[in-house]
N, C-alpha and C. Protein backbone atom coordinates (compact mmCIF):
# COMPACT_ATOMS: atom_id res chain seq x y z
N UNK A 1 6.64 -15.26 25.75
CA UNK A 1 5.95 -15.38 24.59
C UNK A 1 6.91 -14.18 23.65
N UNK A 2 7.23 -14.48 22.66
CA UNK A 2 8.06 -13.39 21.86
C UNK A 2 7.27 -12.64 21.18
N UNK A 3 7.84 -11.09 21.07
CA UNK A 3 7.03 -10.28 20.34
C UNK A 3 7.20 -10.66 18.56
N UNK A 4 6.20 -10.43 17.94
CA UNK A 4 6.21 -10.52 16.78
C UNK A 4 7.52 -9.36 15.95
N UNK A 5 8.11 -9.99 15.33
CA UNK A 5 9.39 -9.15 14.74
C UNK A 5 8.58 -7.95 13.98
N UNK A 6 8.94 -6.76 13.82
CA UNK A 6 8.44 -5.67 13.10
C UNK A 6 8.76 -5.68 11.50
N UNK A 7 8.02 -5.82 10.58
CA UNK A 7 8.61 -6.16 9.40
C UNK A 7 9.49 -5.07 8.75
N UNK A 8 10.38 -5.36 7.99
CA UNK A 8 11.38 -4.54 7.27
C UNK A 8 10.49 -3.92 5.92
N UNK A 9 10.23 -2.58 5.87
CA UNK A 9 9.38 -1.91 4.92
C UNK A 9 10.21 -1.82 3.66
N UNK A 10 9.78 -2.12 2.18
CA UNK A 10 10.57 -1.75 1.18
C UNK A 10 9.89 -0.19 0.60
N UNK A 11 10.59 0.33 -0.33
CA UNK A 11 10.02 1.35 -0.82
C UNK A 11 8.86 1.17 -1.77
N UNK A 12 8.42 -0.13 -2.27
CA UNK A 12 7.26 0.01 -2.90
C UNK A 12 6.03 -0.16 -1.92
N UNK A 13 6.48 -0.64 -0.42
CA UNK A 13 5.37 -0.64 0.63
C UNK A 13 4.91 0.87 0.48
N UNK A 14 5.73 1.82 0.73
CA UNK A 14 5.55 3.26 0.72
C UNK A 14 4.58 3.88 -0.38
N UNK A 15 4.92 3.40 -1.46
CA UNK A 15 4.21 3.70 -2.68
C UNK A 15 2.31 2.80 -2.45
N UNK A 16 2.61 1.70 -1.90
CA UNK A 16 1.25 1.10 -1.79
C UNK A 16 0.55 1.79 -0.61
N UNK A 17 1.18 2.37 0.37
CA UNK A 17 0.46 2.93 1.57
C UNK A 17 0.24 4.56 1.29
N UNK A 18 0.94 5.10 0.20
CA UNK A 18 0.59 6.27 -0.11
C UNK A 18 -0.89 5.98 -1.01
N UNK A 19 -0.95 5.00 -1.81
CA UNK A 19 -2.10 4.99 -2.98
C UNK A 19 -3.21 4.58 -1.94
N UNK A 20 -3.23 3.67 -0.89
CA UNK A 20 -4.19 3.46 0.05
C UNK A 20 -4.63 4.70 0.82
N UNK A 21 -3.83 5.52 1.35
CA UNK A 21 -4.10 6.95 1.85
C UNK A 21 -4.81 7.74 0.86
N UNK A 22 -4.38 7.71 -0.43
CA UNK A 22 -5.31 8.74 -1.34
C UNK A 22 -6.70 8.16 -1.60
N UNK A 23 -6.99 6.75 -1.76
CA UNK A 23 -8.30 6.28 -1.72
C UNK A 23 -9.15 6.42 -0.60
N UNK A 24 -8.35 6.52 0.51
CA UNK A 24 -9.31 6.25 2.13
C UNK A 24 -9.04 7.84 2.42
N UNK A 25 -9.04 8.46 1.34
CA UNK A 25 -9.08 9.95 2.29
C UNK A 25 -10.17 10.53 3.06
N UNK A 26 -11.39 9.95 2.89
CA UNK A 26 -12.38 10.37 3.40
C UNK A 26 -13.06 9.10 4.43
N UNK A 27 -12.19 8.33 4.49
CA UNK A 27 -12.55 7.24 5.42
C UNK A 27 -13.09 5.94 4.91
N UNK A 28 -13.22 6.00 3.56
CA UNK A 28 -13.78 4.57 2.70
C UNK A 28 -12.50 3.78 2.82
N UNK A 29 -13.03 2.54 2.49
CA UNK A 29 -12.08 1.45 2.39
C UNK A 29 -11.68 1.63 0.61
N UNK A 30 -10.46 1.03 0.45
CA UNK A 30 -10.42 0.78 -0.81
C UNK A 30 -10.09 -0.59 -1.48
N UNK A 31 -11.00 -0.36 -2.65
CA UNK A 31 -10.84 -1.92 -3.29
C UNK A 31 -9.49 -2.05 -4.00
N UNK A 32 -9.27 -3.29 -4.22
CA UNK A 32 -7.94 -3.54 -5.04
C UNK A 32 -7.57 -2.76 -6.56
N UNK A 33 -8.98 -2.63 -7.12
CA UNK A 33 -8.58 -1.84 -8.40
C UNK A 33 -8.35 -0.36 -8.08
N UNK A 34 -8.98 0.29 -7.06
CA UNK A 34 -8.93 1.54 -6.72
C UNK A 34 -7.46 1.91 -6.17
N UNK A 35 -6.89 0.67 -5.58
CA UNK A 35 -5.42 0.66 -5.05
C UNK A 35 -4.73 0.97 -6.28
N UNK A 36 -4.70 -0.04 -7.26
CA UNK A 36 -3.88 0.11 -8.59
C UNK A 36 -4.38 1.19 -9.14
N UNK A 37 -5.32 2.02 -9.32
CA UNK A 37 -5.42 2.99 -9.99
C UNK A 37 -4.75 4.40 -9.35
N UNK A 38 -4.82 4.23 -7.91
CA UNK A 38 -4.01 5.42 -7.32
C UNK A 38 -2.60 5.12 -7.40
N UNK A 39 -2.22 3.83 -7.30
CA UNK A 39 -0.79 3.53 -7.32
C UNK A 39 -0.12 4.23 -8.80
N UNK A 40 -0.97 3.57 -9.80
CA UNK A 40 -0.51 4.09 -11.16
C UNK A 40 -0.58 5.77 -11.49
N UNK A 41 -1.50 6.26 -10.76
CA UNK A 41 -1.52 7.90 -10.74
C UNK A 41 -0.17 8.49 -10.09
N UNK A 42 0.10 7.90 -8.78
CA UNK A 42 1.16 8.50 -8.21
C UNK A 42 2.55 7.85 -8.92
N UNK A 43 2.69 6.64 -9.32
CA UNK A 43 4.00 6.62 -9.75
C UNK A 43 4.20 6.28 -11.17
N UNK A 44 3.07 6.28 -12.02
CA UNK A 44 2.79 6.05 -13.48
C UNK A 44 3.58 4.58 -13.71
N UNK A 45 3.00 3.60 -12.88
CA UNK A 45 3.27 2.46 -13.11
C UNK A 45 2.02 1.56 -12.36
N UNK A 46 2.06 0.58 -12.54
CA UNK A 46 0.88 -0.34 -11.97
C UNK A 46 1.93 -1.56 -10.79
N UNK A 47 1.24 -1.43 -9.60
CA UNK A 47 1.96 -2.17 -8.85
C UNK A 47 1.81 -3.79 -9.30
N UNK A 48 2.99 -4.56 -8.98
CA UNK A 48 2.65 -5.86 -9.29
C UNK A 48 1.78 -6.85 -8.22
N UNK A 49 1.54 -8.18 -8.54
CA UNK A 49 0.93 -8.82 -7.41
C UNK A 49 1.82 -9.00 -6.45
N UNK A 50 3.05 -9.06 -6.34
CA UNK A 50 3.90 -9.36 -5.21
C UNK A 50 4.22 -8.06 -4.47
N UNK A 51 4.00 -7.17 -4.98
CA UNK A 51 4.36 -5.79 -4.49
C UNK A 51 3.04 -5.46 -3.61
N UNK A 52 1.77 -5.91 -4.21
CA UNK A 52 0.58 -5.60 -3.50
C UNK A 52 0.18 -6.47 -2.57
N UNK A 53 0.39 -7.73 -2.76
CA UNK A 53 0.05 -8.89 -1.47
C UNK A 53 1.27 -8.88 -0.62
N UNK A 54 2.54 -8.96 -0.95
CA UNK A 54 3.43 -8.51 -0.07
C UNK A 54 3.54 -7.27 1.00
N UNK A 55 3.43 -6.16 0.37
CA UNK A 55 3.13 -4.93 0.83
C UNK A 55 1.85 -5.01 1.88
N UNK A 56 0.79 -5.33 1.24
CA UNK A 56 -0.20 -5.28 2.21
C UNK A 56 -0.30 -6.37 3.91
N UNK A 57 0.34 -7.52 3.26
CA UNK A 57 0.90 -8.67 4.39
C UNK A 57 1.60 -7.56 5.40
N UNK A 58 2.81 -6.94 4.89
CA UNK A 58 3.70 -6.26 5.97
C UNK A 58 3.02 -5.00 6.67
N UNK A 59 2.10 -4.20 5.79
CA UNK A 59 1.47 -3.11 6.36
C UNK A 59 0.35 -3.83 7.40
N UNK A 60 -0.45 -4.60 6.99
CA UNK A 60 -1.51 -5.20 7.90
C UNK A 60 -0.72 -5.75 9.31
N UNK A 61 0.39 -6.41 9.02
CA UNK A 61 1.11 -7.32 10.20
C UNK A 61 1.55 -5.96 11.23
N UNK A 62 2.13 -4.89 10.65
CA UNK A 62 2.32 -3.63 11.26
C UNK A 62 1.51 -2.76 11.82
N UNK A 63 0.16 -2.94 11.47
CA UNK A 63 -1.07 -2.46 12.09
C UNK A 63 -1.13 -0.89 11.51
N UNK A 64 -0.72 -0.85 10.24
CA UNK A 64 -0.99 0.37 9.55
C UNK A 64 -2.12 0.20 8.60
N UNK A 65 -2.55 -1.04 8.20
CA UNK A 65 -3.85 -1.20 7.22
C UNK A 65 -4.43 -2.33 7.69
N UNK A 66 -5.91 -2.05 7.58
CA UNK A 66 -6.74 -3.31 8.03
C UNK A 66 -7.52 -3.74 6.88
N UNK A 67 -7.96 -5.02 6.85
CA UNK A 67 -8.88 -5.61 5.87
C UNK A 67 -10.27 -5.26 6.48
N UNK A 68 -10.98 -4.97 5.17
CA UNK A 68 -12.37 -4.80 5.60
C UNK A 68 -13.23 -5.60 4.67
N UNK A 69 -14.60 -5.80 4.80
CA UNK A 69 -15.30 -6.38 4.06
C UNK A 69 -15.49 -5.68 2.71
N UNK A 70 -15.12 -4.52 2.46
CA UNK A 70 -15.10 -3.80 1.06
C UNK A 70 -13.63 -3.82 0.53
N UNK A 71 -12.81 -4.12 1.52
CA UNK A 71 -11.40 -4.07 0.93
C UNK A 71 -10.26 -3.79 2.05
N UNK A 72 -9.64 -2.74 1.87
CA UNK A 72 -8.65 -2.37 2.90
C UNK A 72 -8.82 -0.87 3.38
N UNK A 73 -8.32 -0.57 4.54
CA UNK A 73 -8.49 0.71 5.01
C UNK A 73 -7.43 1.08 5.87
N UNK A 74 -7.15 2.23 6.13
CA UNK A 74 -5.82 2.76 7.04
C UNK A 74 -6.33 2.46 8.47
N UNK A 75 -5.41 2.15 9.37
CA UNK A 75 -5.77 1.86 10.70
C UNK A 75 -5.92 3.12 11.43
N UNK A 76 -6.62 2.95 12.41
CA UNK A 76 -6.83 4.48 13.31
C UNK A 76 -5.36 5.10 13.54
N UNK A 77 -4.56 4.08 13.87
CA UNK A 77 -3.27 4.92 14.10
C UNK A 77 -2.55 5.36 13.19
N UNK A 78 -2.88 4.94 12.11
CA UNK A 78 -2.06 5.55 10.84
C UNK A 78 -2.90 6.42 10.27
N UNK A 79 -4.17 6.60 10.39
CA UNK A 79 -4.91 7.56 9.41
C UNK A 79 -4.50 9.04 9.54
N UNK A 80 -4.51 9.48 10.71
CA UNK A 80 -4.20 11.17 11.13
C UNK A 80 -2.89 11.25 10.44
N UNK A 81 -2.00 10.44 11.01
CA UNK A 81 -0.43 10.93 10.58
C UNK A 81 -0.11 10.80 8.98
N UNK A 82 -0.93 10.01 8.28
CA UNK A 82 -0.94 9.84 7.01
C UNK A 82 -1.35 10.88 6.19
N UNK A 83 -2.64 11.18 6.79
CA UNK A 83 -3.10 12.60 6.16
C UNK A 83 -2.71 13.65 6.32
N UNK A 84 -2.25 13.95 7.68
CA UNK A 84 -1.16 15.02 7.77
C UNK A 84 -0.20 15.00 6.64
N UNK A 85 0.61 14.03 6.40
CA UNK A 85 1.69 13.94 5.30
C UNK A 85 1.15 14.20 4.01
N UNK A 86 -0.04 13.59 3.56
CA UNK A 86 -0.73 13.72 2.35
C UNK A 86 -1.28 15.10 2.18
N UNK A 87 -1.85 15.84 3.13
CA UNK A 87 -2.76 16.86 3.23
C UNK A 87 -2.10 17.98 2.65
N UNK A 88 -0.73 18.09 2.48
CA UNK A 88 0.02 19.22 1.83
C UNK A 88 0.12 18.98 0.39
N UNK A 89 0.12 20.04 -0.35
CA UNK A 89 0.00 20.14 -1.58
C UNK A 89 1.78 20.15 -2.23
N UNK A 90 2.03 19.01 -2.76
CA UNK A 90 3.26 18.73 -3.24
C UNK A 90 3.01 17.52 -4.55
N UNK A 91 4.20 17.18 -5.08
CA UNK A 91 4.34 16.18 -5.99
C UNK A 91 4.05 15.08 -5.50
N UNK A 92 3.08 14.06 -6.05
CA UNK A 92 2.91 12.72 -5.71
C UNK A 92 3.90 11.96 -5.16
N UNK A 93 5.04 12.02 -5.78
CA UNK A 93 6.32 11.33 -5.49
C UNK A 93 6.95 11.71 -4.34
N UNK A 94 6.80 12.77 -4.05
CA UNK A 94 7.07 13.37 -2.92
C UNK A 94 6.43 13.10 -1.73
N UNK A 95 5.11 12.85 -1.93
CA UNK A 95 4.46 12.11 -0.98
C UNK A 95 4.85 10.74 -0.68
N UNK A 96 5.17 10.07 -1.72
CA UNK A 96 5.72 8.49 -1.46
C UNK A 96 6.87 8.73 -0.77
N UNK A 97 7.85 9.57 -0.91
CA UNK A 97 9.08 9.74 -0.14
C UNK A 97 8.64 9.97 1.28
N UNK A 98 7.84 11.04 1.63
CA UNK A 98 7.51 11.48 3.14
C UNK A 98 6.89 10.15 3.66
N UNK A 99 5.91 9.04 2.97
CA UNK A 99 5.47 8.02 3.47
C UNK A 99 6.34 6.71 3.88
N UNK A 100 7.56 7.05 2.90
CA UNK A 100 8.77 6.06 2.95
C UNK A 100 9.48 6.77 4.34
N UNK A 101 9.52 7.57 4.49
CA UNK A 101 10.06 8.07 5.80
C UNK A 101 9.34 7.78 7.13
N UNK A 102 7.95 7.92 7.12
CA UNK A 102 7.18 7.73 7.86
C UNK A 102 7.20 6.21 8.41
N UNK A 103 7.24 5.36 7.07
CA UNK A 103 7.71 4.11 7.61
C UNK A 103 8.84 3.54 7.93
N UNK A 104 10.00 4.01 7.56
CA UNK A 104 11.41 3.81 8.07
C UNK A 104 11.85 2.81 6.95
N UNK A 105 11.15 2.68 5.61
CA UNK A 105 11.27 2.08 4.42
C UNK A 105 12.57 2.14 3.89
N UNK A 106 13.19 0.95 3.10
CA UNK A 106 14.40 0.98 2.79
C UNK A 106 14.21 1.99 1.38
N UNK A 107 15.37 2.63 0.84
CA UNK A 107 15.32 3.32 -0.56
C UNK A 107 14.68 2.27 -1.66
N UNK A 108 14.13 3.05 -2.74
CA UNK A 108 13.90 2.17 -3.86
C UNK A 108 15.17 1.94 -4.60
N UNK A 109 15.26 0.63 -4.84
CA UNK A 109 16.16 -0.15 -5.78
C UNK A 109 15.97 -0.49 -6.97
N UNK A 110 16.46 -0.12 -8.17
CA UNK A 110 15.96 -0.33 -9.36
C UNK A 110 16.08 -2.06 -9.42
N UNK A 111 14.88 -2.50 -10.08
CA UNK A 111 14.91 -3.91 -10.38
C UNK A 111 14.61 -4.75 -8.92
N UNK A 112 14.56 -4.14 -7.98
CA UNK A 112 14.52 -5.12 -6.73
C UNK A 112 12.88 -5.65 -7.15
N UNK A 113 12.80 -7.03 -6.66
CA UNK A 113 11.44 -7.77 -6.56
C UNK A 113 10.96 -7.63 -5.48
N UNK A 114 9.49 -7.95 -5.44
CA UNK A 114 9.24 -8.07 -3.77
C UNK A 114 8.38 -9.32 -3.91
N UNK A 115 8.79 -10.24 -3.16
CA UNK A 115 7.98 -11.51 -3.08
C UNK A 115 7.29 -11.38 -1.94
N UNK A 116 6.02 -12.20 -1.71
CA UNK A 116 5.34 -12.08 -0.79
C UNK A 116 5.87 -12.41 0.46
N UNK A 117 5.20 -11.79 1.71
CA UNK A 117 5.92 -11.85 2.85
C UNK A 117 4.67 -12.22 3.96
N UNK A 118 5.20 -13.27 5.10
CA UNK A 118 3.84 -13.50 5.81
C UNK A 118 3.74 -15.13 5.58
N UNK A 119 2.77 -15.39 6.30
CA UNK A 119 2.63 -16.70 6.37
C UNK A 119 1.35 -17.34 5.31
N UNK A 120 0.67 -16.35 4.74
CA UNK A 120 -0.28 -16.65 3.83
C UNK A 120 -0.56 -15.66 2.72
N UNK A 121 -1.05 -15.56 1.62
CA UNK A 121 -1.56 -14.60 0.50
C UNK A 121 -2.56 -13.83 1.13
N UNK A 122 -2.41 -12.44 0.91
CA UNK A 122 -3.23 -11.21 1.54
C UNK A 122 -4.39 -11.02 -0.04
N UNK A 123 -3.66 -11.10 -1.09
CA UNK A 123 -4.37 -10.93 -2.23
C UNK A 123 -4.05 -12.13 -3.28
N UNK A 124 -5.19 -12.90 -3.45
CA UNK A 124 -4.79 -14.10 -4.42
C UNK A 124 -4.74 -13.57 -5.62
N UNK A 125 -4.14 -14.33 -6.73
CA UNK A 125 -3.50 -13.88 -7.83
C UNK A 125 -4.90 -13.83 -8.80
N UNK A 126 -6.11 -14.64 -8.45
CA UNK A 126 -7.07 -14.45 -9.31
C UNK A 126 -7.82 -12.98 -8.83
N UNK A 127 -7.82 -12.80 -7.88
CA UNK A 127 -8.48 -11.60 -7.43
C UNK A 127 -7.61 -10.34 -7.88
N UNK A 128 -6.23 -10.51 -8.08
CA UNK A 128 -5.34 -9.42 -8.38
C UNK A 128 -5.60 -9.37 -10.00
N UNK A 129 -5.61 -10.35 -10.71
CA UNK A 129 -5.82 -10.35 -12.11
C UNK A 129 -7.35 -9.78 -12.55
N UNK A 130 -8.32 -10.11 -11.71
CA UNK A 130 -9.89 -9.43 -12.05
C UNK A 130 -9.77 -8.11 -11.55
N UNK A 131 -8.98 -7.44 -10.53
CA UNK A 131 -9.18 -6.30 -10.19
C UNK A 131 -8.25 -5.25 -11.28
N UNK A 132 -7.09 -6.12 -11.69
CA UNK A 132 -6.36 -5.43 -12.79
C UNK A 132 -7.25 -5.14 -14.22
N UNK A 133 -7.90 -6.13 -14.38
CA UNK A 133 -8.60 -5.93 -15.61
C UNK A 133 -9.78 -4.81 -15.54
N UNK A 134 -10.33 -4.94 -14.30
CA UNK A 134 -11.37 -4.04 -13.91
C UNK A 134 -10.71 -2.36 -14.12
N UNK A 135 -9.56 -2.34 -13.36
CA UNK A 135 -9.10 -1.29 -13.82
C UNK A 135 -8.74 -0.56 -15.17
N UNK A 136 -8.29 -1.61 -15.66
CA UNK A 136 -7.76 -1.34 -17.03
C UNK A 136 -8.86 -1.12 -18.18
N UNK A 137 -9.98 -1.46 -17.54
CA UNK A 137 -11.40 -1.28 -18.53
C UNK A 137 -12.03 -0.31 -18.17
N UNK A 138 -11.62 0.61 -17.37
CA UNK A 138 -12.08 1.95 -16.89
C UNK A 138 -11.75 3.06 -17.93
């Protein structure tokens, strides 16, 4: 039986994992709108559906994030090292760069698109639109 191939991470995956880590700091799950809010705070931009859906698929497949009834959370194996990276005072974008190194993700490429990865959708478009509207209404 073949071992599943380790997904290649993109720079947007580091942004996403950093955002999830900030929301899940105290061990709680992150709802999609919470992830969008944290991502906006980190990068002054909103994750696209492709970045969120594809990134979550890659992060879940690699064992860094788990789906929970309340949303998404850091896996046990990722929570401690990620909290160590995020626990030092520095600029938020520096955190993203450190998480990018942790993941071994490719550097950010301007204009890069992030298609969904995996066999199925992790976040449906309707759920993304609802979460985005909820975040923007805050």
